[in-house]
Amino acid sequence: MIIRNAKFYQGGKVVSKDILIEKGKIAGIGKFKGEGIDAKGLFAFPGLIDPHVHLRDPGLTHKEDFKSGTRAALAGGVTTVLDMPNTKPPATTAKAFKAKLQLAKKSAVCDYGLHFGATKNNFPEVKKAKPNSIKLYMGESTGKLLVDDIYSIWKHFALFPKNKPLIVHAEDEETLNAMKKMKGERGAIAEKIAVEKARLIAEQTGRVVYFAHTTTFEAVHLAKIWERSVVEVAPHHLFLSQDKDGGRLGKFSKVYPPLRSEAERRELWGALYYVDTVGSDHAPHTAADKRAGAAGFPGLETTLALFLDAYNKGMIELPWIINRMAENPARIFGLGSKGRLEKGYDGDITLVDLDEKWTVRAEDFESKCGWSPYERFKLKGRVNKVILRGNLVVDNSKVIKEAKGKRVL
């Protein structure tokens, strides 16, 4: 495959060159003879990597499954997803982890990896499964994988290999319970306390700690006191707030951690220099589930577009998007052949039209859940084509082909 006339960053500068893909790998960058895909007017990104998705498979497949979720990923410009463990059964034993991998191998149409789940006593299972990452919920969330006692938290931090990402959902359960009794809300103080606890334990144990979906400026900076902290943000905490969107969304606004105030949302933008990754936290629920109180938003098909729109508004630069949504996730999770438009890397390429204006309509999406918190948002910038290991899988913003996904984590 030859991709012609695309613009992309090379050596810190925007260039317009051909990209040659052979046997699923980028074989060269320059000028090449032969038939190819004309990408004139499009901008090329490395295939994006989403380190934080909930594809609901197994056990909750009425909301999403590996096939629908990975099709949604491709439609959103994402060629690799890393899936969270809170399914039914949860991926907290070696047996359940292996069974989930088999489901993904059978159905995923983009590349994938799985995070293992921590519990209060599954240390032998972590050792047996030998995962490359684990997720620890310091506050209760969907799936009830709660590890709220210091001993269990500390033991996971101490025993899991120090250079592998230990991902934390940083909300302190004791604080959440106290706030519920006193005010009935799930405030940002619970996040700050959990970030402090996890950071201090990470310092004591000398390990990498990955803070998922950080929601406030202060939490980002508390985390970054420790040099081996990795900080993720989710799009909904940057583009939505309880003040601005809570009334519009009603029961559909429920998410963990919650949407913050408009002032806190604006402040979070001021911390983006210190943020390492973007995770969509794609957490699909049906409309009926949401009305019944389920927490979470779908996000795979809108995350990149939201940031492209922000770029068009002068709020962010394209290199930031490339770094936080491709290069850094590949480095942090050890995906050595992903995340760059360079010779020898996987032929995963996302081609976007920076100028296309479009309206978000969930009825057009690949996700099963059928709704979006960004419904009817008017955005500028859209995924046009996606290439997965040399296969054109998205064209004119639609999934046109299913390639077989490969395990990367």
Protein backbone atom coordinates (compact mmCIF):
# COMPACT_ATOMS: atom_id res chain seq x y z
CA MET A 1 0.00 0.00 0.00
CA ILE A 2 1.15 3.50 -0.83
CA ILE A 3 -0.44 6.51 0.85
CA ARG A 4 0.18 9.55 -1.32
CA ASN A 5 0.28 13.26 -0.56
CA ALA A 6 -0.61 13.08 3.12
CA LYS A 7 0.66 15.74 5.45
CA PHE A 8 2.19 14.60 8.73
CA TYR A 9 4.83 15.47 11.28
CA GLN A 10 8.37 14.27 10.62
CA GLY A 11 11.26 15.51 12.72
CA GLY A 12 9.06 18.16 14.29
CA LYS A 13 8.00 19.64 10.95
CA VAL A 14 4.94 19.15 8.75
CA VAL A 15 5.88 17.40 5.50
CA SER A 16 3.95 16.05 2.54
CA LYS A 17 5.32 12.65 1.46
CA ASP A 18 4.26 9.16 0.48
CA ILE A 19 4.10 6.37 3.05
CA LEU A 20 4.87 2.84 1.83
CA ILE A 21 3.42 -0.11 3.76
CA GLU A 22 4.58 -3.67 3.11
CA LYS A 23 3.59 -6.79 5.08
CA GLY A 24 1.77 -4.65 7.62
CA LYS A 25 4.78 -2.44 8.41
CA ILE A 26 5.87 1.01 7.29
CA ALA A 27 8.58 0.17 4.76
CA GLY A 28 9.53 3.69 3.72
CA ILE A 29 8.69 7.39 3.63
CA GLY A 30 9.41 9.45 0.52
CA LYS A 31 8.21 9.11 -3.08
CA PHE A 32 7.15 5.75 -4.52
CA LYS A 33 5.83 4.45 -7.84
CA GLY A 34 2.67 2.38 -8.13
CA GLU A 35 -1.00 2.63 -7.29
CA GLY A 36 -1.95 4.10 -3.96
CA ILE A 37 -4.47 5.91 -1.81
CA ASP A 38 -4.62 9.62 -2.51
CA ALA A 39 -4.61 11.39 0.86
CA LYS A 40 -4.39 14.91 -0.53
CA GLY A 41 -6.06 17.33 1.85
CA LEU A 42 -5.81 14.88 4.76
CA PHE A 43 -3.51 14.87 7.77
CA ALA A 44 -1.91 11.60 8.89
CA PHE A 45 -1.64 10.52 12.51
CA PRO A 46 -0.14 7.30 13.79
CA GLY A 47 -3.01 4.90 14.49
CA LEU A 48 -4.31 6.03 17.87
CA ILE A 49 -4.02 3.91 21.04
CA ASP A 50 -6.80 4.13 23.61
CA PRO A 51 -5.47 2.78 26.93
CA HIS A 52 -8.82 2.92 28.74
CA VAL A 53 -11.94 1.25 27.31
CA HIS A 54 -14.72 -0.93 28.71
CA LEU A 55 -15.94 -3.21 25.93
CA ARG A 56 -18.33 -5.14 28.26
CA ASP A 57 -17.34 -8.56 26.93
CA PRO A 58 -18.02 -11.04 28.53
CA GLY A 59 -21.27 -10.83 30.42
CA LEU A 60 -22.59 -7.39 29.47
CA THR A 61 -22.72 -7.69 25.71
CA HIS A 62 -26.12 -6.04 25.37
CA LYS A 63 -24.14 -2.81 26.00
CA GLU A 64 -21.07 -3.60 23.87
CA ASP A 65 -18.90 -6.52 22.78
CA PHE A 66 -15.43 -6.94 21.32
CA LYS A 67 -16.67 -6.69 17.75
CA SER A 68 -18.92 -3.65 18.11
CA GLY A 69 -16.46 -1.91 20.43
CA THR A 70 -13.48 -2.40 18.15
CA ARG A 71 -15.52 -1.27 15.14
CA ALA A 72 -16.34 1.86 17.16
CA ALA A 73 -12.63 2.27 17.87
CA LEU A 74 -11.75 2.16 14.18
CA ALA A 75 -14.50 4.63 13.32
CA GLY A 76 -12.95 6.99 15.87
CA GLY A 77 -9.43 6.64 14.46
CA VAL A 78 -8.24 4.20 17.13
CA THR A 79 -6.32 1.13 15.93
CA THR A 80 -5.40 -0.30 19.35
CA VAL A 81 -7.54 -0.55 22.50
CA LEU A 82 -6.64 -1.68 26.01
CA ASP A 83 -9.69 -3.08 27.80
CA MET A 84 -10.52 -2.80 31.50
CA PRO A 85 -11.22 -5.85 33.73
CA ASN A 86 -14.66 -5.06 35.20
CA THR A 87 -16.72 -7.48 33.11
CA LYS A 88 -18.83 -10.49 34.19
CA PRO A 89 -16.90 -12.45 35.29
CA PRO A 90 -14.18 -9.89 35.97
CA ALA A 91 -10.68 -10.53 34.70
CA THR A 92 -9.29 -11.12 38.18
CA THR A 93 -8.23 -14.76 37.84
CA ALA A 94 -5.86 -16.39 35.39
CA LYS A 95 -8.73 -18.53 34.07
CA ALA A 96 -11.08 -15.57 33.47
CA PHE A 97 -8.25 -13.57 31.90
CA LYS A 98 -7.42 -16.38 29.48
CA ALA A 99 -11.09 -16.86 28.56
CA LYS A 100 -11.47 -13.14 27.88
CA LEU A 101 -8.39 -13.17 25.67
CA GLN A 102 -9.98 -15.95 23.62
CA LEU A 103 -13.13 -13.85 23.13
CA ALA A 104 -11.07 -10.90 21.98
CA LYS A 105 -8.99 -13.07 19.64
CA LYS A 106 -12.17 -14.34 18.01
CA SER A 107 -14.05 -11.05 17.62
CA ALA A 108 -11.78 -7.97 17.80
CA VAL A 109 -11.29 -6.13 14.51
CA CYS A 110 -8.60 -3.76 15.76
CA ASP A 111 -5.52 -4.58 17.84
CA TYR A 112 -6.15 -5.08 21.55
CA GLY A 113 -4.77 -5.73 24.99
CA LEU A 114 -6.35 -6.52 28.36
CA HIS A 115 -5.73 -5.05 31.78
CA PHE A 116 -5.93 -7.50 34.72
CA GLY A 117 -8.07 -6.64 37.77
CA ALA A 118 -6.81 -6.33 41.34
CA THR A 119 -8.86 -7.58 44.29
CA LYS A 120 -8.14 -7.64 48.02
CA ASN A 121 -6.72 -11.16 47.88
CA ASN A 122 -5.92 -12.23 44.30
CA PHE A 123 -2.14 -11.89 44.57
CA PRO A 124 -1.53 -15.54 43.53
CA GLU A 125 -3.77 -15.06 40.47
CA VAL A 126 -1.83 -11.95 39.38
CA LYS A 127 1.39 -13.95 39.66
CA LYS A 128 -0.11 -16.86 37.72
CA ALA A 129 -1.59 -14.75 34.90
CA LYS A 130 1.55 -12.59 34.49
CA PRO A 131 -0.32 -9.60 33.00
CA ASN A 132 1.51 -6.55 31.69
CA SER A 133 -0.75 -4.16 33.61
CA ILE A 134 -3.29 -4.27 36.42
CA LYS A 135 -6.19 -2.01 37.42
CA LEU A 136 -6.93 -1.23 41.07
CA TYR A 137 -10.16 0.50 42.09
CA MET A 138 -9.60 2.57 45.24
CA GLY A 139 -13.24 3.68 45.08
CA GLU A 140 -16.28 1.64 44.08
CA SER A 141 -17.24 1.84 40.42
CA THR A 142 -19.02 -0.33 37.85
CA GLY A 143 -18.23 -3.97 38.59
CA LYS A 144 -17.52 -3.61 42.32
CA LEU A 145 -13.80 -4.38 42.08
CA LEU A 146 -13.06 -2.42 45.22
CA VAL A 147 -9.67 -2.48 46.97
CA ASP A 148 -9.99 0.12 49.72
CA ASP A 149 -7.77 -1.12 52.56
CA ILE A 150 -4.20 0.18 52.73
CA TYR A 151 -2.67 -3.26 53.29
CA SER A 152 -4.07 -4.73 50.06
CA ILE A 153 -3.26 -1.59 48.07
CA TRP A 154 0.29 -1.54 49.41
CA LYS A 155 0.78 -5.26 48.74
CA HIS A 156 -0.28 -4.93 45.09
CA PHE A 157 2.02 -1.92 44.70
CA ALA A 158 4.90 -3.87 46.23
CA LEU A 159 4.44 -7.22 44.46
CA PHE A 160 3.49 -6.23 40.90
CA PRO A 161 6.59 -5.68 38.70
CA LYS A 162 7.75 -2.11 39.34
CA ASN A 163 8.16 -1.09 35.67
CA LYS A 164 4.73 -2.31 34.56
CA PRO A 165 1.78 0.11 34.81
CA LEU A 166 -0.38 -0.29 37.90
CA ILE A 167 -3.51 1.68 37.02
CA VAL A 168 -5.57 3.24 39.79
CA HIS A 169 -9.11 4.52 39.84
CA ALA A 170 -8.24 7.26 42.33
CA GLU A 171 -11.28 7.96 44.48
CA ASP A 172 -10.95 7.24 48.20
CA GLU A 173 -13.79 4.97 49.32
CA GLU A 174 -13.84 6.10 52.96
CA THR A 175 -14.11 9.72 51.84
CA LEU A 176 -16.84 8.86 49.32
CA ASN A 177 -18.87 7.18 52.07
CA ALA A 178 -18.42 10.14 54.42
CA MET A 179 -19.45 12.61 51.73
CA LYS A 180 -22.47 10.51 50.86
CA LYS A 181 -23.63 10.63 54.49
CA MET A 182 -22.94 14.34 54.90
CA LYS A 183 -23.71 15.94 51.52
CA GLY A 184 -24.90 13.23 49.19
CA GLU A 185 -22.27 14.07 46.57
CA ARG A 186 -19.12 12.48 45.15
CA GLY A 187 -16.75 15.43 45.37
CA ALA A 188 -13.25 16.03 44.06
CA ILE A 189 -11.76 15.83 47.56
CA ALA A 190 -12.10 12.03 47.35
CA GLU A 191 -9.91 12.03 44.26
CA LYS A 192 -7.25 14.23 45.81
CA ILE A 193 -7.01 12.04 48.91
CA ALA A 194 -6.75 8.88 46.80
CA VAL A 195 -4.09 10.43 44.55
CA GLU A 196 -2.06 11.37 47.64
CA LYS A 197 -2.34 7.84 49.06
CA ALA A 198 -1.43 6.12 45.81
CA ARG A 199 1.43 8.50 45.08
CA LEU A 200 2.96 8.09 48.53
CA ILE A 201 2.72 4.29 48.35
CA ALA A 202 4.22 4.36 44.85
CA GLU A 203 7.11 6.43 46.19
CA GLN A 204 7.65 3.99 49.05
CA THR A 205 7.57 0.97 46.75
CA GLY A 206 9.49 2.67 43.92
CA ARG A 207 7.03 1.83 41.19
CA VAL A 208 5.22 3.18 38.15
CA VAL A 209 1.67 4.25 38.99
CA TYR A 210 -0.86 5.25 36.33
CA PHE A 211 -3.66 7.60 37.40
CA ALA A 212 -6.74 6.97 35.27
CA HIS A 213 -9.21 9.74 34.29
CA THR A 214 -7.77 12.52 36.47
CA THR A 215 -10.35 15.28 36.78
CA THR A 216 -8.79 18.36 38.42
CA PHE A 217 -5.75 20.61 38.04
CA GLU A 218 -4.78 19.95 41.65
CA ALA A 219 -4.98 16.15 41.30
CA VAL A 220 -2.71 16.23 38.24
CA HIS A 221 -0.08 18.20 40.12
CA LEU A 222 -0.34 16.07 43.27
CA ALA A 223 0.25 12.97 41.15
CA LYS A 224 3.22 14.50 39.35
CA ILE A 225 5.15 15.10 42.57
CA TRP A 226 6.34 11.48 42.10
CA GLU A 227 8.57 11.17 39.04
CA ARG A 228 7.18 7.74 38.08
CA SER A 229 3.54 8.85 38.03
CA VAL A 230 1.65 8.68 34.74
CA VAL A 231 -1.45 10.87 34.40
CA GLU A 232 -4.41 10.23 32.10
CA VAL A 233 -7.34 12.51 31.34
CA ALA A 234 -10.69 11.56 29.82
CA PRO A 235 -12.40 13.78 27.25
CA HIS A 236 -15.62 14.22 29.19
CA HIS A 237 -13.81 15.94 32.05
CA LEU A 238 -12.32 18.40 29.55
CA PHE A 239 -15.36 19.04 27.36
CA LEU A 240 -18.32 18.61 29.75
CA SER A 241 -19.14 19.98 33.21
CA GLN A 242 -21.90 19.45 35.71
CA ASP A 243 -22.79 23.15 35.59
CA LYS A 244 -22.93 23.35 31.81
CA ASP A 245 -24.18 19.88 30.86
CA GLY A 246 -25.72 18.26 33.94
CA GLY A 247 -29.18 19.68 33.34
CA ARG A 248 -29.13 18.83 29.64
CA LEU A 249 -28.06 15.23 30.27
CA GLY A 250 -30.07 14.56 33.44
CA LYS A 251 -29.58 10.94 34.57
CA PHE A 252 -27.34 10.41 31.57
CA SER A 253 -24.72 12.72 33.18
CA LYS A 254 -23.71 10.10 35.78
CA VAL A 255 -20.09 9.01 35.44
CA TYR A 256 -17.30 7.96 37.84
CA PRO A 257 -15.41 10.11 38.66
CA PRO A 258 -18.21 12.66 38.22
CA LEU A 259 -18.28 15.64 35.93
CA ARG A 260 -16.82 18.57 37.83
CA SER A 261 -17.83 22.22 38.00
CA GLU A 262 -17.30 24.50 35.01
CA ALA A 263 -14.49 26.26 36.89
CA GLU A 264 -12.72 22.95 37.56
CA ARG A 265 -13.19 21.90 33.93
CA ARG A 266 -11.51 25.08 32.72
CA GLU A 267 -8.69 24.69 35.25
CA LEU A 268 -8.01 21.12 34.03
CA TRP A 269 -7.14 22.52 30.60
CA GLY A 270 -4.35 24.43 32.33
CA ALA A 271 -2.74 21.15 33.44
CA LEU A 272 -2.53 19.50 30.00
CA TYR A 273 1.21 20.06 29.67
CA TYR A 274 1.68 17.64 32.59
CA VAL A 275 -0.79 15.04 31.31
CA ASP A 276 0.73 11.92 29.71
CA THR A 277 -2.19 10.20 28.00
CA VAL A 278 -5.81 10.52 26.91
CA GLY A 279 -8.12 7.59 27.64
CA SER A 280 -11.68 7.76 26.33
CA ASP A 281 -12.95 5.74 29.31
CA HIS A 282 -15.44 4.38 26.75
CA ALA A 283 -18.05 2.96 29.14
CA PRO A 284 -21.17 2.20 27.08
CA HIS A 285 -24.56 1.60 28.70
CA THR A 286 -27.93 1.43 26.99
CA ALA A 287 -30.41 4.24 27.53
CA ALA A 288 -32.40 1.95 29.84
CA ASP A 289 -29.27 1.25 31.89
CA LYS A 290 -28.59 4.96 32.23
CA ARG A 291 -32.13 5.73 33.35
CA ALA A 292 -31.67 3.01 35.99
CA GLY A 293 -28.55 4.75 37.33
CA ALA A 294 -25.60 3.28 35.41
CA ALA A 295 -22.44 5.41 35.41
CA GLY A 296 -20.33 5.98 32.30
CA PHE A 297 -20.18 7.50 28.82
CA PRO A 298 -19.40 6.09 25.38
CA GLY A 299 -16.42 7.91 23.88
CA LEU A 300 -14.45 5.96 21.29
CA GLU A 301 -16.10 7.61 18.29
CA THR A 302 -15.87 11.19 19.54
CA THR A 303 -12.59 11.55 21.46
CA LEU A 304 -10.28 12.41 18.58
CA ALA A 305 -12.92 14.60 16.91
CA LEU A 306 -13.35 16.64 20.10
CA PHE A 307 -9.62 17.33 20.21
CA LEU A 308 -9.52 18.15 16.49
CA ASP A 309 -12.30 20.67 17.09
CA ALA A 310 -10.29 22.09 20.00
CA TYR A 311 -7.29 22.36 17.68
CA ASN A 312 -9.39 24.29 15.16
CA LYS A 313 -10.41 26.64 17.95
CA GLY A 314 -6.76 27.28 18.87
CA MET A 315 -7.02 25.47 22.20
CA ILE A 316 -4.43 22.75 21.55
CA GLU A 317 -1.74 21.78 19.06
CA LEU A 318 -1.64 18.69 16.87
CA PRO A 319 1.69 17.42 18.30
CA TRP A 320 0.05 17.26 21.76
CA ILE A 321 -2.69 15.02 20.36
CA ILE A 322 -0.18 12.75 18.60
CA ASN A 323 1.98 12.50 21.70
CA ARG A 324 -0.77 11.82 24.23
CA MET A 325 -2.94 9.59 22.02
CA ALA A 326 -0.28 7.56 20.17
CA GLU A 327 3.36 7.98 21.17
CA ASN A 328 3.00 8.01 24.96
CA PRO A 329 0.52 5.13 25.28
CA ALA A 330 2.82 3.00 23.09
CA ARG A 331 5.82 3.83 25.27
CA ILE A 332 4.07 3.48 28.63
CA PHE A 333 2.49 0.10 27.84
CA GLY A 334 5.46 -1.30 25.94
CA LEU A 335 3.85 -1.43 22.50
CA GLY A 336 7.16 -1.08 20.70
CA SER A 337 5.90 -1.25 17.12
CA LYS A 338 3.04 1.24 17.63
CA GLY A 339 2.61 4.98 17.90
CA ARG A 340 4.89 6.45 15.24
CA LEU A 341 4.92 7.14 11.52
CA GLU A 342 8.42 5.77 11.01
CA LYS A 343 10.03 2.96 9.07
CA GLY A 344 9.69 -0.38 10.85
CA TYR A 345 6.58 0.59 12.81
CA ASP A 346 3.16 -0.98 12.27
CA GLY A 347 1.26 0.32 9.24
CA ASP A 348 -1.46 1.83 11.47
CA ILE A 349 -2.46 5.24 10.14
CA THR A 350 -5.38 7.53 10.88
CA LEU A 351 -6.12 10.10 8.16
CA VAL A 352 -8.23 13.06 9.24
CA ASP A 353 -9.88 15.95 7.45
CA LEU A 354 -9.08 18.88 9.70
CA ASP A 355 -11.61 21.08 7.92
CA GLU A 356 -14.70 18.84 7.75
CA LYS A 357 -17.65 20.12 9.73
CA TRP A 358 -20.11 17.55 11.04
CA THR A 359 -22.76 16.97 13.68
CA VAL A 360 -22.54 14.18 16.27
CA ARG A 361 -25.43 11.72 15.86
CA ALA A 362 -25.19 8.53 17.88
CA GLU A 363 -27.59 6.78 15.50
CA ASP A 364 -24.73 6.75 12.98
CA PHE A 365 -22.22 5.20 15.39
CA GLU A 366 -20.85 1.65 15.56
CA SER A 367 -21.28 1.36 19.33
CA LYS A 368 -24.25 -0.69 20.50
CA CYS A 369 -25.30 1.72 23.24
CA GLY A 370 -27.10 4.11 20.88
CA TRP A 371 -26.47 7.46 22.57
CA SER A 372 -23.72 10.03 23.15
CA PRO A 373 -23.25 12.82 25.72
CA TYR A 374 -22.13 14.94 22.76
CA GLU A 375 -25.31 14.42 20.73
CA ARG A 376 -25.78 17.27 18.21
CA PHE A 377 -22.41 18.84 19.01
CA LYS A 378 -21.15 20.58 15.87
CA LEU A 379 -17.47 19.74 15.40
CA LYS A 380 -14.76 20.68 12.93
CA GLY A 381 -12.31 17.88 12.15
CA ARG A 382 -13.18 14.25 11.45
CA VAL A 383 -11.63 10.85 10.81
CA ASN A 384 -11.75 10.12 7.08
CA LYS A 385 -9.70 6.94 6.57
CA VAL A 386 -8.07 4.38 8.87
CA ILE A 387 -5.43 1.84 7.91
CA LEU A 388 -4.74 -1.10 10.23
CA ARG A 389 -1.48 -2.91 9.47
CA GLY A 390 -1.82 -2.02 5.78
CA ASN A 391 -5.56 -2.73 5.48
CA LEU A 392 -7.92 0.12 4.61
CA VAL A 393 -10.67 -0.45 7.18
CA VAL A 394 -12.35 2.98 7.32
CA ASP A 395 -13.11 5.13 4.28
CA ASN A 396 -15.20 8.30 4.11
CA SER A 397 -15.73 8.03 7.88
CA LYS A 398 -17.33 4.56 7.66
CA VAL A 399 -16.01 1.12 8.59
CA ILE A 400 -15.76 -0.71 5.25
CA LYS A 401 -13.69 -3.77 6.14
CA GLU A 402 -12.92 -5.93 9.15
CA ALA A 403 -9.32 -7.02 9.63
CA LYS A 404 -8.40 -9.50 12.35
CA GLY A 405 -7.18 -7.79 15.49
CA LYS A 406 -3.94 -8.87 17.15
CA ARG A 407 -3.09 -9.00 20.82
CA VAL A 408 -0.52 -6.40 21.85
CA LEU A 409 -0.74 -6.51 25.67
